[in-house]
Amino acid sequence: MLRSRYPARLGFLVRASVVTAATAGLVGCVFEEPPLPVETGVRDVYLAPDTRVVEEEVPRDATLAGILASHDMPSDVAHAFVESMRPVFDPTDLQRGHPYRMVYGTDGRFRRFEYHVDDDQFLEVASGSAPFVFNASLVDYEKRRDEVVMHSAIDEQNNSLFAAMEAGGANAQVAIDVADVFSGEIDFNTELRLGDHFQVLYEQFVREEEHVTYGDVLAATFVNDGRQVSAFRFDVQGEAPAYFDANGRSMKRQVLSSPFRFEPRVTSRFSYRRLHPVLGTHRAHLGVDYGAPSGTPVIAVSRGTVVSAAASGGSGNTVRLRHTNGYETYYLHLSRFAKGMRAGASVAQGEVIGYVGSTGLATGPHLDYRLRKNGTFVNPLTERKNLPPGDPVPAEQMAAFEEARDHALARLAGRPVPRDDRLLVADD
């Protein structure tokens, strides 16, 4: 809900008195009747609201002008209203289902309009001191920042990262972020084992004790098949925040574990002899197929340059990227390409390059992802572990990193922040 501005109502003033008496030395107690309330002539006072509020949601295909007209705002006033907000908000960006409120005075005159823009801001347009004058601004919601610790495990009921995160009380976005943090170390589609367990420290923002949004994953430890992997978010001076293990080594690999931002589903693996689902013959399948709904964003697994983005026979719409150290990646059967995908364009690791489809020889929507090294196709699921990590924490910032790491470890364990604690550092 939008921020409430209703005036407080005076409550009842209740006066009561009870008189008791006891006679010392007697077995029982004798109670006197309480006296009747004294009539003072003072009555309870109620203050009527000085505003009238209309709260609704933006309907489908609505325009701001149409909404204002539905609330009987004259067209010339509505025009001035819309023009006043243009410097801070594009009226055409109105989103279906977003709540808004119209506030009127007791005289029926318009006072204020509030519209929920996103989880961080709302638009406020208030009437000015003169007719046809309005003051528009984007207002930040007041939020409380919490650090939340979540523990969970992989078991028979919760046998995927998403299911285990949900069982632990975390949001799906947190699960996506955790999968991204550990993408260079753990393939959550093929390497999870029953008994794996993890703990995550993440940010949570609460608005009006009801609306919850999620920030960054601050730290996480994951025990996978008996091996513990830890990650800690740290701001390296002059660079974007990144994740490092307990010894300050980068968690990022040259190539991500998969071309998706979520835990993908492998439907066909790398093979030199596979029965083709369309042709019905055995032939090499030099990539990995991921099942995903049509239109799912596909991301570049590594920074690189577009070699081509075009239709390619049975491969359908295909993006081919060239990376460093002799690597190339291929993304087949796309429904369409992302904006800017043309030969020679640079792409960043994690950038959307296209969308899942079923173009070419395909029985349904999926992505055929391939990795080539020095001209030879290799298995993407195994090759990524042979790639070098990113840059570690600079030596001059290790002391600051270790302090942040130990603080996070203490929060994960529910202990006071230590000054010199190495008990949980187990990434050697």
Protein backbone atom coordinates (compact mmCIF):
# COMPACT_ATOMS: atom_id res chain seq x y z
CA MET A 1 0.00 0.00 0.00
CA LEU A 2 1.02 3.59 -0.46
CA ARG A 3 2.09 5.61 2.53
CA SER A 4 -0.87 6.34 4.77
CA ARG A 5 -1.70 9.96 5.54
CA TYR A 6 -4.93 9.54 7.45
CA PRO A 7 -5.22 11.74 10.57
CA ALA A 8 -5.35 9.95 13.90
CA ARG A 9 -8.78 9.68 15.53
CA LEU A 10 -9.15 10.54 19.17
CA GLY A 11 -10.05 7.53 21.24
CA PHE A 12 -12.33 7.27 24.24
CA LEU A 13 -11.28 8.68 27.55
CA VAL A 14 -12.39 6.10 30.05
CA ARG A 15 -12.40 6.74 33.76
CA ALA A 16 -13.18 4.07 36.28
CA SER A 17 -12.52 3.53 39.91
CA VAL A 18 -12.85 0.47 42.04
CA VAL A 19 -12.78 0.78 45.79
CA THR A 20 -12.01 -2.23 47.92
CA ALA A 21 -11.86 -2.60 51.66
CA ALA A 22 -10.62 -5.39 53.87
CA THR A 23 -11.03 -5.90 57.53
CA ALA A 24 -7.82 -6.98 59.21
CA GLY A 25 -8.00 -10.19 61.20
CA LEU A 26 -11.11 -11.58 59.43
CA VAL A 27 -11.04 -14.75 57.37
CA GLY A 28 -12.75 -13.17 54.36
CA CYS A 29 -12.76 -9.78 52.71
CA VAL A 30 -15.72 -7.47 52.35
CA PHE A 31 -16.01 -5.56 49.06
CA GLU A 32 -17.90 -2.33 48.75
CA GLU A 33 -19.97 -1.47 45.69
CA PRO A 34 -18.03 0.90 43.43
CA PRO A 35 -19.58 4.34 43.21
CA LEU A 36 -21.37 5.35 40.04
CA PRO A 37 -19.40 7.48 37.59
CA VAL A 38 -19.72 11.18 38.19
CA GLU A 39 -21.35 13.04 35.33
CA THR A 40 -18.94 15.78 34.25
CA GLY A 41 -20.79 16.98 31.19
CA VAL A 42 -17.75 16.24 28.99
CA ARG A 43 -18.51 14.12 25.93
CA ASP A 44 -16.12 12.02 23.82
CA VAL A 45 -14.81 13.99 20.87
CA TYR A 46 -14.41 12.57 17.35
CA LEU A 47 -12.56 14.43 14.63
CA ALA A 48 -13.91 13.79 11.16
CA PRO A 49 -11.27 13.14 8.49
CA ASP A 50 -10.37 16.27 6.59
CA THR A 51 -9.81 14.28 3.39
CA ARG A 52 -11.54 11.76 1.20
CA VAL A 53 -9.33 9.06 -0.28
CA VAL A 54 -10.04 6.89 -3.33
CA GLU A 55 -7.73 3.89 -3.76
CA GLU A 56 -7.73 1.79 -6.94
CA GLU A 57 -5.42 -0.10 -9.31
CA VAL A 58 -4.47 0.83 -12.86
CA PRO A 59 -6.75 -1.18 -15.19
CA ARG A 60 -5.63 -2.88 -18.37
CA ASP A 61 -4.72 -0.58 -21.29
CA ALA A 62 -5.41 2.50 -19.16
CA THR A 63 -3.95 5.93 -19.76
CA LEU A 64 -3.36 8.57 -17.14
CA ALA A 65 -5.73 10.94 -18.92
CA GLY A 66 -8.39 8.24 -18.88
CA ILE A 67 -7.90 7.60 -15.17
CA LEU A 68 -8.19 11.29 -14.36
CA ALA A 69 -11.34 11.57 -16.51
CA SER A 70 -12.86 8.60 -14.65
CA HIS A 71 -12.46 10.65 -11.47
CA ASP A 72 -14.25 13.64 -13.04
CA MET A 73 -11.18 15.84 -13.46
CA PRO A 74 -11.84 18.46 -16.16
CA SER A 75 -9.79 17.96 -19.31
CA ASP A 76 -7.94 21.30 -19.06
CA VAL A 77 -6.97 20.56 -15.45
CA ALA A 78 -5.94 17.02 -16.38
CA HIS A 79 -3.73 18.38 -19.16
CA ALA A 80 -1.89 20.65 -16.72
CA PHE A 81 -1.65 17.73 -14.30
CA VAL A 82 -0.02 15.42 -16.86
CA GLU A 83 2.38 18.09 -18.14
CA SER A 84 3.56 18.83 -14.61
CA MET A 85 4.80 15.27 -14.09
CA ARG A 86 6.71 14.84 -17.34
CA PRO A 87 10.04 16.11 -15.93
CA VAL A 88 10.03 13.31 -13.33
CA PHE A 89 7.84 10.55 -14.80
CA ASP A 90 6.73 9.48 -18.28
CA PRO A 91 2.90 9.20 -18.18
CA THR A 92 3.03 6.38 -20.74
CA ASP A 93 4.94 4.20 -18.25
CA LEU A 94 1.77 3.54 -16.25
CA GLN A 95 1.70 -0.17 -15.35
CA ARG A 96 -1.38 -2.36 -15.15
CA GLY A 97 -2.19 -3.48 -11.60
CA HIS A 98 -0.11 -0.82 -9.85
CA PRO A 99 -2.06 0.89 -7.03
CA TYR A 100 -2.82 4.58 -6.99
CA ARG A 101 -4.79 6.92 -4.78
CA MET A 102 -6.65 10.19 -5.27
CA VAL A 103 -6.93 12.44 -2.22
CA TYR A 104 -9.65 15.13 -2.00
CA GLY A 105 -10.48 17.74 0.61
CA THR A 106 -13.87 17.87 2.31
CA ASP A 107 -14.78 20.59 -0.14
CA GLY A 108 -14.32 18.09 -2.98
CA ARG A 109 -11.23 19.77 -4.39
CA PHE A 110 -8.35 17.61 -5.57
CA ARG A 111 -5.36 17.64 -3.25
CA ARG A 112 -2.95 14.87 -4.17
CA PHE A 113 -2.32 11.91 -6.46
CA GLU A 114 0.00 9.04 -5.50
CA TYR A 115 1.06 6.20 -7.80
CA HIS A 116 3.23 3.19 -6.95
CA VAL A 117 6.11 3.28 -9.45
CA ASP A 118 8.18 0.36 -8.11
CA ASP A 119 9.41 -1.14 -4.86
CA ASP A 120 11.63 1.88 -4.24
CA GLN A 121 9.57 4.94 -5.21
CA PHE A 122 6.10 6.38 -5.68
CA LEU A 123 4.98 9.36 -7.76
CA GLU A 124 3.33 12.23 -5.92
CA VAL A 125 1.48 15.04 -7.68
CA ALA A 126 0.04 17.68 -5.35
CA SER A 127 -2.11 20.71 -6.16
CA GLY A 128 -0.23 24.00 -6.02
CA SER A 129 -1.07 27.40 -4.65
CA ALA A 130 -2.82 28.48 -7.85
CA PRO A 131 -5.26 26.83 -10.27
CA PHE A 132 -3.69 24.62 -12.95
CA VAL A 133 -0.46 24.44 -10.92
CA PHE A 134 0.79 21.05 -9.70
CA ASN A 135 3.97 19.93 -7.99
CA ALA A 136 5.25 16.52 -9.07
CA SER A 137 8.06 14.49 -7.52
CA LEU A 138 9.31 10.94 -7.09
CA VAL A 139 9.38 10.03 -3.41
CA ASP A 140 11.46 7.24 -1.90
CA TYR A 141 9.58 4.77 0.25
CA GLU A 142 10.74 4.57 3.83
CA LYS A 143 12.20 1.11 4.40
CA ARG A 144 13.88 -0.86 7.13
CA ARG A 145 16.98 -2.81 6.14
CA ASP A 146 17.39 -6.24 7.76
CA GLU A 147 20.15 -8.81 7.44
CA VAL A 148 18.56 -12.25 7.27
CA VAL A 149 20.31 -15.56 7.92
CA MET A 150 18.75 -18.63 6.28
CA HIS A 151 19.73 -22.28 6.74
CA SER A 152 18.48 -25.16 4.58
CA ALA A 153 19.47 -28.51 3.07
CA ILE A 154 18.95 -30.71 0.05
CA ASP A 155 16.72 -33.67 0.92
CA GLU A 156 14.19 -35.94 -0.78
CA GLN A 157 11.37 -33.41 -0.44
CA ASN A 158 13.53 -30.43 -1.43
CA ASN A 159 15.92 -31.85 -4.00
CA SER A 160 16.77 -28.65 -5.87
CA LEU A 161 18.31 -25.36 -4.85
CA PHE A 162 15.03 -23.50 -5.46
CA ALA A 163 12.98 -25.94 -3.41
CA ALA A 164 15.47 -25.94 -0.54
CA MET A 165 15.68 -22.15 -0.53
CA GLU A 166 11.90 -21.88 -0.47
CA ALA A 167 11.72 -24.40 2.39
CA GLY A 168 14.19 -22.24 4.29
CA GLY A 169 11.96 -19.18 3.85
CA ALA A 170 13.89 -17.37 1.12
CA ASN A 171 12.52 -15.71 -1.99
CA ALA A 172 13.12 -17.09 -5.51
CA GLN A 173 15.28 -14.05 -6.31
CA VAL A 174 17.62 -14.97 -3.45
CA ALA A 175 17.91 -18.48 -4.91
CA ILE A 176 18.80 -17.05 -8.33
CA ASP A 177 21.46 -14.83 -6.74
CA VAL A 178 22.95 -17.73 -4.77
CA ALA A 179 23.12 -19.86 -7.93
CA ASP A 180 24.90 -16.98 -9.68
CA VAL A 181 27.38 -16.49 -6.82
CA PHE A 182 28.41 -20.17 -6.88
CA SER A 183 28.07 -20.64 -10.64
CA GLY A 184 31.83 -21.01 -11.09
CA GLU A 185 32.09 -23.69 -8.42
CA ILE A 186 28.88 -25.73 -8.37
CA ASP A 187 26.62 -26.92 -11.17
CA PHE A 188 23.29 -26.94 -9.34
CA ASN A 189 21.71 -29.07 -12.03
CA THR A 190 24.17 -31.97 -12.01
CA GLU A 191 26.22 -31.78 -8.79
CA LEU A 192 23.68 -31.50 -5.96
CA ARG A 193 23.63 -34.41 -3.52
CA LEU A 194 21.20 -35.43 -0.79
CA GLY A 195 22.60 -34.12 2.47
CA ASP A 196 24.12 -30.98 0.94
CA HIS A 197 23.42 -28.03 3.20
CA PHE A 198 23.97 -24.30 3.13
CA GLN A 199 23.46 -21.01 4.90
CA VAL A 200 22.95 -17.59 3.37
CA LEU A 201 23.19 -14.05 4.71
CA TYR A 202 21.19 -11.61 2.59
CA GLU A 203 19.58 -8.17 2.69
CA GLN A 204 15.85 -7.68 3.13
CA PHE A 205 14.01 -4.36 2.92
CA VAL A 206 10.64 -4.01 4.66
CA ARG A 207 8.13 -1.27 3.88
CA GLU A 208 5.16 -0.68 6.15
CA GLU A 209 5.78 -4.06 7.82
CA GLU A 210 4.11 -5.72 4.85
CA HIS A 211 5.96 -5.20 1.59
CA VAL A 212 9.28 -7.04 1.42
CA THR A 213 11.97 -6.71 -1.24
CA TYR A 214 15.38 -8.33 -1.40
CA GLY A 215 18.83 -6.84 -1.77
CA ASP A 216 22.23 -8.44 -2.17
CA VAL A 217 23.50 -11.79 -0.96
CA LEU A 218 26.18 -10.74 1.54
CA ALA A 219 27.70 -14.15 2.27
CA ALA A 220 26.98 -17.84 1.85
CA THR A 221 28.53 -21.19 2.66
CA PHE A 222 27.57 -24.35 0.77
CA VAL A 223 28.62 -27.90 1.66
CA ASN A 224 28.38 -29.86 -1.60
CA ASP A 225 29.21 -33.58 -1.52
CA GLY A 226 31.35 -33.00 1.58
CA ARG A 227 33.22 -30.00 0.14
CA GLN A 228 32.59 -26.59 1.72
CA VAL A 229 32.57 -23.54 -0.53
CA SER A 230 32.17 -20.04 0.87
CA ALA A 231 31.51 -16.69 -0.79
CA PHE A 232 31.65 -13.16 0.58
CA ARG A 233 30.54 -9.94 -1.06
CA PHE A 234 33.24 -7.26 -0.94
CA ASP A 235 33.63 -3.82 -2.48
CA VAL A 236 37.06 -3.61 -4.08
CA GLN A 237 38.03 0.05 -4.30
CA GLY A 238 37.50 1.41 -7.79
CA GLU A 239 35.60 -1.68 -8.98
CA ALA A 240 32.09 -3.10 -8.82
CA PRO A 241 31.28 -5.28 -5.77
CA ALA A 242 32.28 -8.91 -6.30
CA TYR A 243 32.35 -12.25 -4.49
CA PHE A 244 35.45 -13.93 -3.09
CA ASP A 245 36.16 -17.13 -1.19
CA ALA A 246 37.46 -17.14 2.38
CA ASN A 247 41.02 -16.57 1.17
CA GLY A 248 40.17 -13.64 -1.08
CA ARG A 249 40.14 -15.53 -4.37
CA SER A 250 37.53 -14.54 -6.94
CA MET A 251 34.41 -16.69 -7.19
CA LYS A 252 33.96 -15.70 -10.82
CA ARG A 253 35.24 -18.00 -13.54
CA GLN A 254 36.00 -17.00 -17.10
CA VAL A 255 32.90 -18.97 -18.15
CA LEU A 256 29.66 -19.27 -16.15
CA SER A 257 28.27 -22.73 -15.44
CA SER A 258 25.22 -22.14 -17.66
CA PRO A 259 23.74 -19.52 -20.00
CA PHE A 260 20.79 -18.81 -17.67
CA ARG A 261 20.24 -16.71 -14.58
CA PHE A 262 18.43 -19.54 -12.85
CA GLU A 263 18.97 -23.23 -12.16
CA PRO A 264 18.51 -24.81 -15.63
CA ARG A 265 17.21 -28.25 -16.52
CA VAL A 266 19.51 -30.37 -18.67
CA THR A 267 17.48 -32.37 -21.22
CA SER A 268 20.34 -33.72 -23.33
CA ARG A 269 24.06 -33.91 -22.60
CA PHE A 270 27.24 -33.66 -24.62
CA SER A 271 27.70 -36.86 -26.63
CA TYR A 272 29.50 -38.17 -29.70
CA ARG A 273 26.58 -40.55 -30.44
CA ARG A 274 23.05 -39.45 -29.66
CA LEU A 275 19.73 -40.37 -31.26
CA HIS A 276 18.53 -37.15 -32.89
CA PRO A 277 14.91 -36.48 -31.78
CA VAL A 278 13.87 -35.14 -35.20
CA LEU A 279 16.02 -36.98 -37.74
CA GLY A 280 15.85 -40.31 -35.90
CA THR A 281 19.53 -41.13 -36.58
CA HIS A 282 22.54 -41.38 -34.29
CA ARG A 283 24.86 -38.44 -34.57
CA ALA A 284 27.15 -36.38 -32.37
CA HIS A 285 25.56 -33.82 -30.06
CA LEU A 286 28.38 -31.40 -29.36
CA GLY A 287 26.57 -29.32 -26.77
CA VAL A 288 24.16 -29.37 -23.86
CA ASP A 289 20.40 -28.91 -24.25
CA TYR A 290 18.57 -26.93 -21.58
CA GLY A 291 14.79 -27.11 -21.34
CA ALA A 292 13.20 -23.73 -20.73
CA PRO A 293 9.99 -21.91 -21.70
CA SER A 294 9.94 -19.99 -24.95
CA GLY A 295 11.08 -16.41 -24.41
CA THR A 296 13.37 -17.18 -21.45
CA PRO A 297 16.40 -14.81 -21.53
CA VAL A 298 19.71 -16.40 -22.54
CA ILE A 299 22.91 -14.79 -21.23
CA ALA A 300 26.51 -14.73 -22.41
CA VAL A 301 28.57 -17.06 -20.22
CA SER A 302 31.67 -14.91 -20.69
CA ARG A 303 32.72 -11.51 -21.95
CA GLY A 304 33.31 -11.60 -25.67
CA THR A 305 32.59 -10.35 -29.18
CA VAL A 306 29.70 -11.33 -31.45
CA VAL A 307 30.94 -13.34 -34.43
CA SER A 308 27.45 -13.78 -35.87
CA ALA A 309 23.78 -13.55 -34.94
CA ALA A 310 21.67 -15.06 -37.70
CA ALA A 311 19.55 -17.99 -38.86
CA SER A 312 21.70 -21.08 -39.38
CA GLY A 313 19.76 -23.94 -41.01
CA GLY A 314 18.86 -26.72 -38.59
CA SER A 315 20.46 -24.79 -35.73
CA GLY A 316 17.85 -22.08 -36.11
CA ASN A 317 18.56 -18.58 -34.87
CA THR A 318 22.09 -18.79 -33.49
CA VAL A 319 24.42 -16.41 -31.67
CA ARG A 320 28.15 -17.16 -31.84
CA LEU A 321 30.54 -15.38 -29.48
CA ARG A 322 34.34 -15.29 -29.45
CA HIS A 323 36.13 -15.10 -26.08
CA THR A 324 39.73 -14.99 -24.88
CA ASN A 325 42.09 -17.99 -24.61
CA GLY A 326 40.73 -19.61 -27.77
CA TYR A 327 37.14 -20.14 -26.56
CA GLU A 328 33.91 -19.65 -28.52
CA THR A 329 30.31 -20.23 -27.43
CA TYR A 330 27.23 -21.03 -29.52
CA TYR A 331 23.55 -20.50 -28.57
CA LEU A 332 21.12 -22.34 -30.89
CA HIS A 333 17.36 -22.43 -31.64
CA LEU A 334 16.68 -18.92 -30.26
CA SER A 335 13.26 -17.40 -30.86
CA ARG A 336 14.83 -13.99 -31.36
CA PHE A 337 18.00 -12.02 -30.72
CA ALA A 338 18.52 -9.38 -28.07
CA LYS A 339 18.87 -5.79 -29.17
CA GLY A 340 22.35 -4.93 -30.42
CA MET A 341 23.37 -8.47 -31.39
CA ARG A 342 25.38 -7.89 -34.54
CA ALA A 343 28.81 -8.96 -35.74
CA GLY A 344 31.58 -7.07 -33.95
CA ALA A 345 29.48 -6.00 -30.95
CA SER A 346 30.96 -6.49 -27.49
CA VAL A 347 29.00 -8.34 -24.82
CA ALA A 348 29.56 -8.53 -21.08
CA GLN A 349 29.42 -11.68 -19.01
CA GLY A 350 25.79 -12.18 -17.96
CA GLU A 351 24.39 -9.90 -20.69
CA VAL A 352 21.19 -11.08 -22.42
CA ILE A 353 21.97 -12.11 -26.00
CA GLY A 354 18.71 -13.77 -27.05
CA TYR A 355 15.63 -15.71 -25.99
CA VAL A 356 14.78 -19.41 -25.89
CA GLY A 357 12.82 -20.72 -28.87
CA SER A 358 12.40 -23.71 -31.16
CA THR A 359 13.69 -22.45 -34.51
CA GLY A 360 15.46 -24.88 -36.83
CA LEU A 361 15.27 -28.63 -36.19
CA ALA A 362 13.70 -28.68 -32.72
CA THR A 363 10.80 -30.58 -31.17
CA GLY A 364 10.08 -27.82 -28.66
CA PRO A 365 11.52 -24.73 -26.97
CA HIS A 366 15.02 -25.31 -25.61
CA LEU A 367 18.56 -23.98 -25.84
CA ASP A 368 21.40 -25.95 -27.40
CA TYR A 369 24.51 -24.44 -25.81
CA ARG A 370 27.97 -25.28 -27.15
CA LEU A 371 31.54 -24.46 -26.13
CA ARG A 372 34.50 -24.67 -28.50
CA LYS A 373 38.17 -24.51 -27.49
CA ASN A 374 40.84 -23.90 -30.12
CA GLY A 375 38.50 -25.14 -32.86
CA THR A 376 37.26 -28.28 -31.07
CA PHE A 377 33.91 -28.60 -29.30
CA VAL A 378 34.28 -29.62 -25.64
CA ASN A 379 31.83 -30.56 -22.90
CA PRO A 380 30.61 -27.30 -21.27
CA LEU A 381 29.70 -29.09 -18.01
CA THR A 382 33.27 -30.22 -17.36
CA GLU A 383 35.41 -27.65 -19.14
CA ARG A 384 34.39 -24.70 -16.96
CA LYS A 385 36.33 -26.09 -13.98
CA ASN A 386 39.54 -25.95 -16.01
CA LEU A 387 39.21 -22.21 -16.50
CA PRO A 388 41.11 -19.70 -14.34
CA PRO A 389 39.26 -17.51 -11.80
CA GLY A 390 39.11 -13.73 -11.84
CA ASP A 391 41.42 -11.39 -9.97
CA PRO A 392 41.73 -11.86 -6.17
CA VAL A 393 41.30 -9.20 -3.50
CA PRO A 394 44.27 -6.78 -3.84
CA ALA A 395 46.91 -7.30 -1.15
CA GLU A 396 46.47 -3.79 0.22
CA GLN A 397 42.75 -4.46 0.84
CA MET A 398 43.06 -7.92 2.41
CA ALA A 399 42.78 -6.59 5.98
CA ALA A 400 39.47 -4.89 5.16
CA PHE A 401 38.25 -8.02 3.37
CA GLU A 402 39.13 -10.29 6.30
CA GLU A 403 37.24 -8.02 8.68
CA ALA A 404 34.15 -8.12 6.43
CA ARG A 405 34.51 -11.89 6.04
CA ASP A 406 34.75 -12.52 9.79
CA HIS A 407 31.75 -10.29 10.42
CA ALA A 408 29.73 -12.30 7.89
CA LEU A 409 30.86 -15.63 9.34
CA ALA A 410 29.79 -14.49 12.79
CA ARG A 411 26.37 -13.45 11.47
CA LEU A 412 25.95 -16.79 9.71
CA ALA A 413 26.81 -18.65 12.91
CA GLY A 414 24.72 -16.36 15.12
CA ARG A 415 27.75 -15.31 17.17
CA PRO A 416 29.06 -11.89 18.25
CA VAL A 417 31.30 -10.31 15.62
CA PRO A 418 34.82 -11.69 16.25
CA ARG A 419 38.09 -9.83 16.09
CA ASP A 420 40.18 -12.82 15.03
CA ASP A 421 38.12 -15.85 14.10
CA ARG A 422 39.34 -18.47 11.62
CA LEU A 423 37.27 -21.45 12.79
CA LEU A 424 34.94 -21.54 9.80
CA VAL A 425 37.48 -20.69 7.13
CA ALA A 426 37.66 -23.96 5.24
CA ASP A 427 38.32 -23.17 1.61
CA ASP A 428 41.95 -24.31 1.38
